Amino acid sequence: MTTEVEDIGARLSAGGVLSPDEARVLWSSPDVLAVGALADEARRRRHGDRATFVRVVTVAADGPLPGTWPAAAGEVRIVGRPADAAHAERLVRDVVARAGGTPVTAFSLADLEEVAGAVGLRDLVARVAGAGAAAIAALPVDRLADAPSSAEAVLQAGTKVARVTVEAAGDPVGHALAVRALQRQTGVVRAFAPLAVRVASTAPTTGYQDVKTIAVARLLLDDVGTIQVDWARSGAKLAQVALLFGADDLDGVPASENAAEGRRRAPLEEVRRNIRAAALTPIERDGRFGVREG
């Protein structure tokens, strides 16, 4: 561990809060293992040896509703842009009716903002919540022109945001600082997924960058409970390593229990096995972040 990283770690262990300059020092440090160790320590102080995961079924806003979906799902998530406000409300109502009590999260707040029109964002969010959605599925912090104002519309509508996301790869420290400011202004951030949803094929991120992104997010966001990694998008191996670099929740685990290679390769068994291999205890949750039994 370099002296600079060691000094930052000592200050954090004593109860200090990471400054923006210190976050950039950690991001630029070549000692990724030392930075990861600091983030792992911060995660363990908050969560002990627990790591949560959720099995998700996704429903496309622009496609037909599936006839059935796996009963094992802990969350049904509506993704994509609705055609308009009426379509958003109707689709949520239809999905909730078929979900059989499984929590339904719906849409990106940015997509709702774009289709709200004369209805207004707050009223559209209230309609979506009134139709039965447990939460708005995502708040992309880098896509909204005024994320705090958009988040306030969610709070005024009496509902929640399931996760704050990053739409496009860019400045990981800047993104985490934006989330810190959003949380301090609104308190809306339940979980933050710092790895970008979209990465340009001409400039892909590396695993080295990804785990540092996770670590810096965990260390900067001392007032955010959960740092999240998408299992399906990141892959099982990166998701597992992320648990050692500050992440505590694996999102997007497929709800299907079928696997051509047999039961041991089914998503549920694989995610549990990978969490245990990271010396952590797997806890399955639902779309409301409640612990599932069994």
C-alpha atoms as a PDB file:
ATOM      1  CA  MET A   1       0.000   0.000   0.000  1.00  0.00           C
ATOM      2  CA  THR A   2       1.393   3.393  -1.003  1.00  0.00           C
ATOM      3  CA  THR A   3       1.841   6.010   1.706  1.00  0.00           C
ATOM      4  CA  GLU A   4      -0.781   8.286   0.142  1.00  0.00           C
ATOM      5  CA  VAL A   5      -3.417   5.532  -0.014  1.00  0.00           C
ATOM      6  CA  GLU A   6      -2.423   4.359   3.474  1.00  0.00           C
ATOM      7  CA  ASP A   7      -2.879   7.865   4.883  1.00  0.00           C
ATOM      8  CA  ILE A   8      -6.326   8.163   3.299  1.00  0.00           C
ATOM      9  CA  GLY A   9      -7.259   4.762   4.699  1.00  0.00           C
ATOM     10  CA  ALA A  10      -6.166   5.723   8.204  1.00  0.00           C
ATOM     11  CA  ARG A  11      -8.286   8.863   8.075  1.00  0.00           C
ATOM     12  CA  LEU A  12     -11.331   6.936   6.841  1.00  0.00           C
ATOM     13  CA  SER A  13     -10.911   4.283   9.545  1.00  0.00           C
ATOM     14  CA  ALA A  14     -10.922   7.075  12.110  1.00  0.00           C
ATOM     15  CA  GLY A  15     -14.324   8.253  10.849  1.00  0.00           C
ATOM     16  CA  GLY A  16     -13.224  10.730   8.198  1.00  0.00           C
ATOM     17  CA  VAL A  17     -15.195  11.420   5.003  1.00  0.00           C
ATOM     18  CA  LEU A  18     -13.474  11.016   1.649  1.00  0.00           C
ATOM     19  CA  SER A  19     -12.915  14.326  -0.126  1.00  0.00           C
ATOM     20  CA  PRO A  20     -13.224  14.753  -3.903  1.00  0.00           C
ATOM     21  CA  ASP A  21      -9.455  15.237  -4.188  1.00  0.00           C
ATOM     22  CA  GLU A  22      -8.809  12.083  -2.181  1.00  0.00           C
ATOM     23  CA  ALA A  23     -11.263  10.168  -4.371  1.00  0.00           C
ATOM     24  CA  ARG A  24      -9.287  11.210  -7.434  1.00  0.00           C
ATOM     25  CA  VAL A  25      -6.060  10.130  -5.737  1.00  0.00           C
ATOM     26  CA  LEU A  26      -7.556   6.686  -5.149  1.00  0.00           C
ATOM     27  CA  TRP A  27      -8.891   6.504  -8.701  1.00  0.00           C
ATOM     28  CA  SER A  28      -5.486   7.349 -10.163  1.00  0.00           C
ATOM     29  CA  SER A  29      -3.552   5.032  -7.843  1.00  0.00           C
ATOM     30  CA  PRO A  30      -2.008   1.994  -9.567  1.00  0.00           C
ATOM     31  CA  ASP A  31      -2.408   0.042  -6.320  1.00  0.00           C
ATOM     32  CA  VAL A  32      -5.863  -1.320  -7.106  1.00  0.00           C
ATOM     33  CA  LEU A  33      -5.624  -3.981  -4.398  1.00  0.00           C
ATOM     34  CA  ALA A  34      -4.991  -1.389  -1.696  1.00  0.00           C
ATOM     35  CA  VAL A  35      -7.914   0.729  -2.880  1.00  0.00           C
ATOM     36  CA  GLY A  36     -10.079  -2.386  -2.999  1.00  0.00           C
ATOM     37  CA  ALA A  37      -9.080  -3.311   0.548  1.00  0.00           C
ATOM     38  CA  LEU A  38     -10.249   0.082   1.810  1.00  0.00           C
ATOM     39  CA  ALA A  39     -13.587  -0.331   0.033  1.00  0.00           C
ATOM     40  CA  ASP A  40     -13.996  -3.880   1.327  1.00  0.00           C
ATOM     41  CA  GLU A  41     -13.387  -2.641   4.859  1.00  0.00           C
ATOM     42  CA  ALA A  42     -16.022   0.069   4.376  1.00  0.00           C
ATOM     43  CA  ARG A  43     -18.501  -2.473   3.017  1.00  0.00           C
ATOM     44  CA  ARG A  44     -17.908  -4.870   5.920  1.00  0.00           C
ATOM     45  CA  ARG A  45     -18.428  -2.100   8.460  1.00  0.00           C
ATOM     46  CA  ARG A  46     -21.851  -1.521   6.947  1.00  0.00           C
ATOM     47  CA  HIS A  47     -22.976  -5.016   5.899  1.00  0.00           C
ATOM     48  CA  GLY A  48     -20.764  -7.535   7.701  1.00  0.00           C
ATOM     49  CA  ASP A  49     -20.513 -10.753   5.703  1.00  0.00           C
ATOM     50  CA  ARG A  50     -23.892 -10.345   3.959  1.00  0.00           C
ATOM     51  CA  ALA A  51     -24.291  -9.932   0.203  1.00  0.00           C
ATOM     52  CA  THR A  52     -27.749  -9.636  -1.321  1.00  0.00           C
ATOM     53  CA  PHE A  53     -29.007 -10.593  -4.769  1.00  0.00           C
ATOM     54  CA  VAL A  54     -32.290 -10.316  -6.656  1.00  0.00           C
ATOM     55  CA  ARG A  55     -33.713 -12.476  -9.439  1.00  0.00           C
ATOM     56  CA  VAL A  56     -35.319 -10.252 -12.072  1.00  0.00           C
ATOM     57  CA  VAL A  57     -37.728 -10.675 -14.969  1.00  0.00           C
ATOM     58  CA  THR A  58     -37.634  -7.781 -17.443  1.00  0.00           C
ATOM     59  CA  VAL A  59     -40.632  -6.674 -19.496  1.00  0.00           C
ATOM     60  CA  ALA A  60     -40.017  -4.449 -22.526  1.00  0.00           C
ATOM     61  CA  ALA A  61     -42.217  -1.375 -22.744  1.00  0.00           C
ATOM     62  CA  ASP A  62     -42.414  -1.648 -26.534  1.00  0.00           C
ATOM     63  CA  GLY A  63     -43.145  -5.370 -26.733  1.00  0.00           C
ATOM     64  CA  PRO A  64     -45.967  -7.765 -25.943  1.00  0.00           C
ATOM     65  CA  LEU A  65     -46.357  -8.924 -22.385  1.00  0.00           C
ATOM     66  CA  PRO A  66     -44.967 -12.420 -21.859  1.00  0.00           C
ATOM     67  CA  GLY A  67     -47.642 -15.008 -21.216  1.00  0.00           C
ATOM     68  CA  THR A  68     -45.844 -16.241 -18.115  1.00  0.00           C
ATOM     69  CA  TRP A  69     -42.609 -15.662 -16.258  1.00  0.00           C
ATOM     70  CA  PRO A  70     -40.714 -17.671 -13.667  1.00  0.00           C
ATOM     71  CA  ALA A  71     -42.380 -17.746 -10.267  1.00  0.00           C
ATOM     72  CA  ALA A  72     -38.893 -17.471  -8.745  1.00  0.00           C
ATOM     73  CA  ALA A  73     -38.622 -13.796  -9.737  1.00  0.00           C
ATOM     74  CA  GLY A  74     -38.166 -11.385  -6.855  1.00  0.00           C
ATOM     75  CA  GLU A  75     -38.743  -8.362  -9.088  1.00  0.00           C
ATOM     76  CA  VAL A  76     -40.523  -7.709 -12.362  1.00  0.00           C
ATOM     77  CA  ARG A  77     -38.896  -4.718 -14.056  1.00  0.00           C
ATOM     78  CA  ILE A  78     -40.429  -2.744 -16.908  1.00  0.00           C
ATOM     79  CA  VAL A  79     -37.673  -1.365 -19.126  1.00  0.00           C
ATOM     80  CA  GLY A  80     -37.644   0.894 -22.158  1.00  0.00           C
ATOM     81  CA  ARG A  81     -39.561   4.024 -23.039  1.00  0.00           C
ATOM     82  CA  PRO A  82     -43.372   4.054 -22.944  1.00  0.00           C
ATOM     83  CA  ALA A  83     -45.163   5.650 -25.867  1.00  0.00           C
ATOM     84  CA  ASP A  84     -46.817   8.279 -23.676  1.00  0.00           C
ATOM     85  CA  ALA A  85     -48.178   8.858 -20.183  1.00  0.00           C
ATOM     86  CA  ALA A  86     -51.336   6.821 -20.768  1.00  0.00           C
ATOM     87  CA  HIS A  87     -49.319   3.880 -22.093  1.00  0.00           C
ATOM     88  CA  ALA A  88     -47.012   3.986 -19.062  1.00  0.00           C
ATOM     89  CA  GLU A  89     -49.904   3.847 -16.613  1.00  0.00           C
ATOM     90  CA  ARG A  90     -51.755   1.124 -18.537  1.00  0.00           C
ATOM     91  CA  LEU A  91     -48.666  -1.057 -18.915  1.00  0.00           C
ATOM     92  CA  VAL A  92     -47.852  -0.904 -15.210  1.00  0.00           C
ATOM     93  CA  ARG A  93     -51.421  -1.835 -14.333  1.00  0.00           C
ATOM     94  CA  ASP A  94     -51.328  -4.811 -16.717  1.00  0.00           C
ATOM     95  CA  VAL A  95     -47.957  -6.072 -15.446  1.00  0.00           C
ATOM     96  CA  VAL A  96     -48.947  -5.702 -11.793  1.00  0.00           C
ATOM     97  CA  ALA A  97     -52.127  -7.676 -12.466  1.00  0.00           C
ATOM     98  CA  ARG A  98     -50.029 -10.557 -13.815  1.00  0.00           C
ATOM     99  CA  ALA A  99     -47.201 -10.323 -11.292  1.00  0.00           C
ATOM    100  CA  GLY A 100     -49.035 -12.199  -8.561  1.00  0.00           C
ATOM    101  CA  GLY A 101     -47.686 -10.021  -5.773  1.00  0.00           C
ATOM    102  CA  THR A 102     -44.082  -9.880  -7.005  1.00  0.00           C
ATOM    103  CA  PRO A 103     -42.877  -6.260  -6.715  1.00  0.00           C
ATOM    104  CA  VAL A 104     -42.954  -4.394 -10.020  1.00  0.00           C
ATOM    105  CA  THR A 105     -40.498  -1.583 -10.706  1.00  0.00           C
ATOM    106  CA  ALA A 106     -41.072   0.557 -13.746  1.00  0.00           C
ATOM    107  CA  PHE A 107     -39.137   2.670 -16.216  1.00  0.00           C
ATOM    108  CA  SER A 108     -36.199   5.005 -16.149  1.00  0.00           C
ATOM    109  CA  LEU A 109     -37.023   8.383 -14.655  1.00  0.00           C
ATOM    110  CA  ALA A 110     -35.372   9.985 -17.692  1.00  0.00           C
ATOM    111  CA  ASP A 111     -37.752   8.165 -20.057  1.00  0.00           C
ATOM    112  CA  LEU A 112     -40.749   9.218 -17.973  1.00  0.00           C
ATOM    113  CA  GLU A 113     -39.521  12.800 -18.016  1.00  0.00           C
ATOM    114  CA  GLU A 114     -39.338  12.713 -21.802  1.00  0.00           C
ATOM    115  CA  VAL A 115     -42.909  11.430 -22.274  1.00  0.00           C
ATOM    116  CA  ALA A 116     -44.618  13.268 -19.399  1.00  0.00           C
ATOM    117  CA  GLY A 117     -45.697  16.171 -21.601  1.00  0.00           C
ATOM    118  CA  ALA A 118     -48.580  18.230 -20.233  1.00  0.00           C
ATOM    119  CA  VAL A 119     -49.167  15.681 -17.473  1.00  0.00           C
ATOM    120  CA  GLY A 120     -45.923  16.714 -15.766  1.00  0.00           C
ATOM    121  CA  LEU A 121     -43.309  14.409 -14.277  1.00  0.00           C
ATOM    122  CA  ARG A 122     -44.643  14.407 -10.714  1.00  0.00           C
ATOM    123  CA  ASP A 123     -48.170  13.501 -11.793  1.00  0.00           C
ATOM    124  CA  LEU A 124     -46.946  10.844 -14.213  1.00  0.00           C
ATOM    125  CA  VAL A 125     -44.827   9.241 -11.493  1.00  0.00           C
ATOM    126  CA  ALA A 126     -47.858   9.363  -9.198  1.00  0.00           C
ATOM    127  CA  ARG A 127     -49.936   7.603 -11.868  1.00  0.00           C
ATOM    128  CA  VAL A 128     -47.294   4.906 -12.290  1.00  0.00           C
ATOM    129  CA  ALA A 129     -47.180   4.407  -8.521  1.00  0.00           C
ATOM    130  CA  GLY A 130     -50.975   4.446  -8.323  1.00  0.00           C
ATOM    131  CA  ALA A 131     -51.090   1.708 -10.967  1.00  0.00           C
ATOM    132  CA  GLY A 132     -49.140  -0.497  -8.574  1.00  0.00           C
ATOM    133  CA  ALA A 133     -45.435   0.056  -9.233  1.00  0.00           C
ATOM    134  CA  ALA A 134     -43.359  -0.432  -6.087  1.00  0.00           C
ATOM    135  CA  ALA A 135     -40.738   2.048  -7.321  1.00  0.00           C
ATOM    136  CA  ILE A 136     -39.349   3.800 -10.362  1.00  0.00           C
ATOM    137  CA  ALA A 137     -36.821   1.292 -11.692  1.00  0.00           C
ATOM    138  CA  ALA A 138     -33.895   3.642 -12.325  1.00  0.00           C
ATOM    139  CA  LEU A 139     -32.688   7.208 -12.019  1.00  0.00           C
ATOM    140  CA  PRO A 140     -29.818   7.706 -14.520  1.00  0.00           C
ATOM    141  CA  VAL A 141     -27.813  10.420 -12.797  1.00  0.00           C
ATOM    142  CA  ASP A 142     -25.864  11.407 -15.921  1.00  0.00           C
ATOM    143  CA  ARG A 143     -28.880  11.595 -18.243  1.00  0.00           C
ATOM    144  CA  LEU A 144     -31.170  13.956 -16.337  1.00  0.00           C
ATOM    145  CA  ALA A 145     -30.670  17.692 -16.806  1.00  0.00           C
ATOM    146  CA  ASP A 146     -31.500  18.353 -13.142  1.00  0.00           C
ATOM    147  CA  ALA A 147     -31.352  15.085 -11.213  1.00  0.00           C
ATOM    148  CA  PRO A 148     -32.269  16.599  -7.811  1.00  0.00           C
ATOM    149  CA  SER A 149     -35.419  18.253  -9.210  1.00  0.00           C
ATOM    150  CA  SER A 150     -36.428  15.032 -10.970  1.00  0.00           C
ATOM    151  CA  ALA A 151     -35.813  13.062  -7.769  1.00  0.00           C
ATOM    152  CA  GLU A 152     -37.956  15.528  -5.817  1.00  0.00           C
ATOM    153  CA  ALA A 153     -40.811  14.806  -8.229  1.00  0.00           C
ATOM    154  CA  VAL A 154     -40.567  11.131  -7.232  1.00  0.00           C
ATOM    155  CA  LEU A 155     -40.648  11.976  -3.538  1.00  0.00           C
ATOM    156  CA  GLN A 156     -43.562  14.376  -3.991  1.00  0.00           C
ATOM    157  CA  ALA A 157     -45.445  11.617  -5.803  1.00  0.00           C
ATOM    158  CA  GLY A 158     -45.044   9.453  -2.690  1.00  0.00           C
ATOM    159  CA  THR A 159     -42.913   6.701  -4.179  1.00  0.00           C
ATOM    160  CA  LYS A 160     -39.250   5.620  -4.407  1.00  0.00           C
ATOM    161  CA  VAL A 161     -36.367   5.044  -6.806  1.00  0.00           C
ATOM    162  CA  ALA A 162     -35.106   1.465  -6.824  1.00  0.00           C
ATOM    163  CA  ARG A 163     -31.594   2.308  -8.001  1.00  0.00           C
ATOM    164  CA  VAL A 164     -29.499   5.202  -9.276  1.00  0.00           C
ATOM    165  CA  THR A 165     -27.600   4.287 -12.419  1.00  0.00           C
ATOM    166  CA  VAL A 166     -24.993   5.644 -14.823  1.00  0.00           C
ATOM    167  CA  GLU A 167     -26.089   5.605 -18.437  1.00  0.00           C
ATOM    168  CA  ALA A 168     -22.766   6.085 -20.239  1.00  0.00           C
ATOM    169  CA  ALA A 169     -19.140   5.518 -19.306  1.00  0.00           C
ATOM    170  CA  GLY A 170     -17.242   8.682 -18.461  1.00  0.00           C
ATOM    171  CA  ASP A 171     -15.784  10.082 -15.253  1.00  0.00           C
ATOM    172  CA  PRO A 172     -16.440   7.556 -12.448  1.00  0.00           C
ATOM    173  CA  VAL A 173     -15.423   9.975  -9.697  1.00  0.00           C
ATOM    174  CA  GLY A 174     -17.601  12.702 -11.164  1.00  0.00           C
ATOM    175  CA  HIS A 175     -20.557  10.334 -11.346  1.00  0.00           C
ATOM    176  CA  ALA A 176     -20.111   9.258  -7.723  1.00  0.00           C
ATOM    177  CA  LEU A 177     -19.822  12.883  -6.615  1.00  0.00           C
ATOM    178  CA  ALA A 178     -23.066  13.672  -8.464  1.00  0.00           C
ATOM    179  CA  VAL A 179     -24.748  10.831  -6.583  1.00  0.00           C
ATOM    180  CA  ARG A 180     -23.317  12.118  -3.298  1.00  0.00           C
ATOM    181  CA  ALA A 181     -24.792  15.563  -3.999  1.00  0.00           C
ATOM    182  CA  LEU A 182     -28.112  14.001  -5.021  1.00  0.00           C
ATOM    183  CA  GLN A 183     -28.294  12.008  -1.801  1.00  0.00           C
ATOM    184  CA  ARG A 184     -27.435  14.984   0.377  1.00  0.00           C
ATOM    185  CA  GLN A 185     -30.092  17.113  -1.291  1.00  0.00           C
ATOM    186  CA  THR A 186     -32.900  14.549  -1.531  1.00  0.00           C
ATOM    187  CA  GLY A 187     -32.091  11.327   0.349  1.00  0.00           C
ATOM    188  CA  VAL A 188     -33.565   9.401  -2.605  1.00  0.00           C
ATOM    189  CA  VAL A 189     -30.613   7.045  -3.213  1.00  0.00           C
ATOM    190  CA  ARG A 190     -31.278   3.529  -1.925  1.00  0.00           C
ATOM    191  CA  ALA A 191     -28.767   1.773  -4.204  1.00  0.00           C
ATOM    192  CA  PHE A 192     -26.162   3.014  -6.687  1.00  0.00           C
ATOM    193  CA  ALA A 193     -24.948   0.974  -9.652  1.00  0.00           C
ATOM    194  CA  PRO A 194     -21.721   2.754 -10.703  1.00  0.00           C
ATOM    195  CA  LEU A 195     -20.863   0.676 -13.800  1.00  0.00           C
ATOM    196  CA  ALA A 196     -22.268   2.239 -16.970  1.00  0.00           C
ATOM    197  CA  VAL A 197     -25.291   0.677 -18.631  1.00  0.00           C
ATOM    198  CA  ARG A 198     -23.878   1.536 -22.074  1.00  0.00           C
ATOM    199  CA  VAL A 199     -20.203   1.255 -22.981  1.00  0.00           C
ATOM    200  CA  ALA A 200     -18.959   2.185 -26.463  1.00  0.00           C
ATOM    201  CA  SER A 201     -17.513  -0.778 -28.343  1.00  0.00           C
ATOM    202  CA  THR A 202     -14.689   1.475 -29.497  1.00  0.00           C
ATOM    203  CA  ALA A 203     -13.710   2.368 -25.912  1.00  0.00           C
ATOM    204  CA  PRO A 204     -14.635  -0.526 -23.617  1.00  0.00           C
ATOM    205  CA  THR A 205     -13.788  -0.348 -19.937  1.00  0.00           C
ATOM    206  CA  THR A 206     -11.432  -2.872 -18.390  1.00  0.00           C
ATOM    207  CA  GLY A 207     -11.986  -5.052 -15.346  1.00  0.00           C
ATOM    208  CA  TYR A 208      -9.261  -3.008 -13.641  1.00  0.00           C
ATOM    209  CA  GLN A 209     -11.242   0.194 -14.225  1.00  0.00           C
ATOM    210  CA  ASP A 210     -14.527  -1.414 -13.255  1.00  0.00           C
ATOM    211  CA  VAL A 211     -13.405  -2.626  -9.839  1.00  0.00           C
ATOM    212  CA  LYS A 212     -11.802   0.740  -9.064  1.00  0.00           C
ATOM    213  CA  THR A 213     -15.065   2.434 -10.074  1.00  0.00           C
ATOM    214  CA  ILE A 214     -16.922   0.242  -7.574  1.00  0.00           C
ATOM    215  CA  ALA A 215     -14.355   0.820  -4.835  1.00  0.00           C
ATOM    216  CA  VAL A 216     -14.326   4.603  -5.195  1.00  0.00           C
ATOM    217  CA  ALA A 217     -18.141   4.697  -5.218  1.00  0.00           C
ATOM    218  CA  ARG A 218     -18.275   2.726  -1.970  1.00  0.00           C
ATOM    219  CA  LEU A 219     -15.717   4.980  -0.302  1.00  0.00           C
ATOM    220  CA  LEU A 220     -17.262   8.247  -1.484  1.00  0.00           C
ATOM    221  CA  LEU A 221     -20.884   7.383  -0.756  1.00  0.00           C
ATOM    222  CA  ASP A 222     -20.801   6.984   3.001  1.00  0.00           C
ATOM    223  CA  ASP A 223     -24.533   7.787   3.224  1.00  0.00           C
ATOM    224  CA  VAL A 224     -25.688   5.357   0.514  1.00  0.00           C
ATOM    225  CA  GLY A 225     -26.546   1.889   1.771  1.00  0.00           C
ATOM    226  CA  THR A 226     -25.973  -0.282  -1.277  1.00  0.00           C
ATOM    227  CA  ILE A 227     -23.429  -0.427  -4.093  1.00  0.00           C
ATOM    228  CA  GLN A 228     -24.770  -2.648  -6.821  1.00  0.00           C
ATOM    229  CA  VAL A 229     -23.432  -4.632  -9.764  1.00  0.00           C
ATOM    230  CA  ASP A 230     -25.564  -6.109 -12.526  1.00  0.00           C
ATOM    231  CA  TRP A 231     -24.929  -9.869 -12.652  1.00  0.00           C
ATOM    232  CA  ALA A 232     -26.248 -10.410 -16.177  1.00  0.00           C
ATOM    233  CA  ARG A 233     -24.489  -7.447 -17.745  1.00  0.00           C
ATOM    234  CA  SER A 234     -21.154  -7.705 -15.912  1.00  0.00           C
ATOM    235  CA  GLY A 235     -20.835 -11.477 -15.898  1.00  0.00           C
ATOM    236  CA  ALA A 236     -20.445 -13.849 -12.986  1.00  0.00           C
ATOM    237  CA  LYS A 237     -16.693 -13.404 -12.526  1.00  0.00           C
ATOM    238  CA  LEU A 238     -16.591  -9.605 -12.476  1.00  0.00           C
ATOM    239  CA  ALA A 239     -19.657  -9.570 -10.232  1.00  0.00           C
ATOM    240  CA  GLN A 240     -17.899 -11.889  -7.796  1.00  0.00           C
ATOM    241  CA  VAL A 241     -14.725  -9.771  -7.730  1.00  0.00           C
ATOM    242  CA  ALA A 242     -16.872  -6.652  -7.263  1.00  0.00           C
ATOM    243  CA  LEU A 243     -18.001  -8.075  -3.913  1.00  0.00           C
ATOM    244  CA  LEU A 244     -14.383  -7.834  -2.746  1.00  0.00           C
ATOM    245  CA  PHE A 245     -14.123  -4.213  -3.917  1.00  0.00           C
ATOM    246  CA  GLY A 246     -17.081  -2.679  -2.073  1.00  0.00           C
ATOM    247  CA  ALA A 247     -20.221  -3.989  -3.789  1.00  0.00           C
ATOM    248  CA  ASP A 248     -22.833  -5.630  -1.573  1.00  0.00           C
ATOM    249  CA  ASP A 249     -25.695  -6.378  -3.978  1.00  0.00           C
ATOM    250  CA  LEU A 250     -25.958  -8.365  -7.224  1.00  0.00           C
ATOM    251  CA  ASP A 251     -28.770  -7.090  -9.420  1.00  0.00           C
ATOM    252  CA  GLY A 252     -30.252  -8.674 -12.517  1.00  0.00           C
ATOM    253  CA  VAL A 253     -29.786 -12.358 -11.705  1.00  0.00           C
ATOM    254  CA  PRO A 254     -31.955 -14.299 -14.199  1.00  0.00           C
ATOM    255  CA  ALA A 255     -35.098 -15.723 -12.628  1.00  0.00           C
ATOM    256  CA  SER A 256     -35.045 -18.885 -14.726  1.00  0.00           C
ATOM    257  CA  GLU A 257     -33.989 -22.013 -12.842  1.00  0.00           C
ATOM    258  CA  ASN A 258     -33.165 -23.927 -16.010  1.00  0.00           C
ATOM    259  CA  ALA A 259     -29.639 -24.503 -17.304  1.00  0.00           C
ATOM    260  CA  ALA A 260     -28.512 -26.786 -20.109  1.00  0.00           C
ATOM    261  CA  GLU A 261     -25.488 -27.823 -18.015  1.00  0.00           C
ATOM    262  CA  GLY A 262     -27.664 -28.955 -15.092  1.00  0.00           C
ATOM    263  CA  ARG A 263     -28.980 -27.597 -11.814  1.00  0.00           C
ATOM    264  CA  ARG A 264     -25.541 -26.642 -10.450  1.00  0.00           C
ATOM    265  CA  ARG A 265     -25.123 -24.212 -13.338  1.00  0.00           C
ATOM    266  CA  ALA A 266     -28.590 -22.661 -12.898  1.00  0.00           C
ATOM    267  CA  PRO A 267     -28.478 -18.934 -11.993  1.00  0.00           C
ATOM    268  CA  LEU A 268     -29.616 -19.383  -8.381  1.00  0.00           C
ATOM    269  CA  GLU A 269     -26.995 -21.992  -7.565  1.00  0.00           C
ATOM    270  CA  GLU A 270     -24.271 -20.117  -9.420  1.00  0.00           C
ATOM    271  CA  VAL A 271     -24.896 -16.785  -7.704  1.00  0.00           C
ATOM    272  CA  ARG A 272     -24.996 -18.398  -4.273  1.00  0.00           C
ATOM    273  CA  ARG A 273     -21.814 -20.335  -4.985  1.00  0.00           C
ATOM    274  CA  ASN A 274     -19.963 -17.239  -6.193  1.00  0.00           C
ATOM    275  CA  ILE A 275     -21.017 -15.208  -3.165  1.00  0.00           C
ATOM    276  CA  ARG A 276     -19.880 -17.945  -0.795  1.00  0.00           C
ATOM    277  CA  ALA A 277     -16.580 -18.221  -2.661  1.00  0.00           C
ATOM    278  CA  ALA A 278     -16.044 -14.536  -1.795  1.00  0.00           C
ATOM    279  CA  ALA A 279     -16.403 -15.546   1.893  1.00  0.00           C
ATOM    280  CA  LEU A 280     -19.807 -13.877   2.132  1.00  0.00           C
ATOM    281  CA  THR A 281     -23.298 -15.060   3.030  1.00  0.00           C
ATOM    282  CA  PRO A 282     -25.840 -14.904   0.171  1.00  0.00           C
ATOM    283  CA  ILE A 283     -29.179 -13.293   1.035  1.00  0.00           C
ATOM    284  CA  GLU A 284     -31.925 -13.266  -1.581  1.00  0.00           C
ATOM    285  CA  ARG A 285     -34.054 -10.117  -1.654  1.00  0.00           C
ATOM    286  CA  ASP A 286     -37.024  -8.823  -3.608  1.00  0.00           C
ATOM    287  CA  GLY A 287     -37.681  -5.639  -5.568  1.00  0.00           C
ATOM    288  CA  ARG A 288     -38.545  -3.766  -2.367  1.00  0.00           C
ATOM    289  CA  PHE A 289     -35.194  -4.787  -0.830  1.00  0.00           C
ATOM    290  CA  GLY A 290     -36.996  -7.119   1.552  1.00  0.00           C
ATOM    291  CA  VAL A 291     -35.398 -10.455   2.437  1.00  0.00           C
ATOM    292  CA  ARG A 292     -37.014 -13.445   0.746  1.00  0.00           C
ATOM    293  CA  GLU A 293     -37.525 -16.625   2.709  1.00  0.00           C
ATOM    294  CA  GLY A 294     -35.883 -19.915   1.722  1.00  0.00           C
END
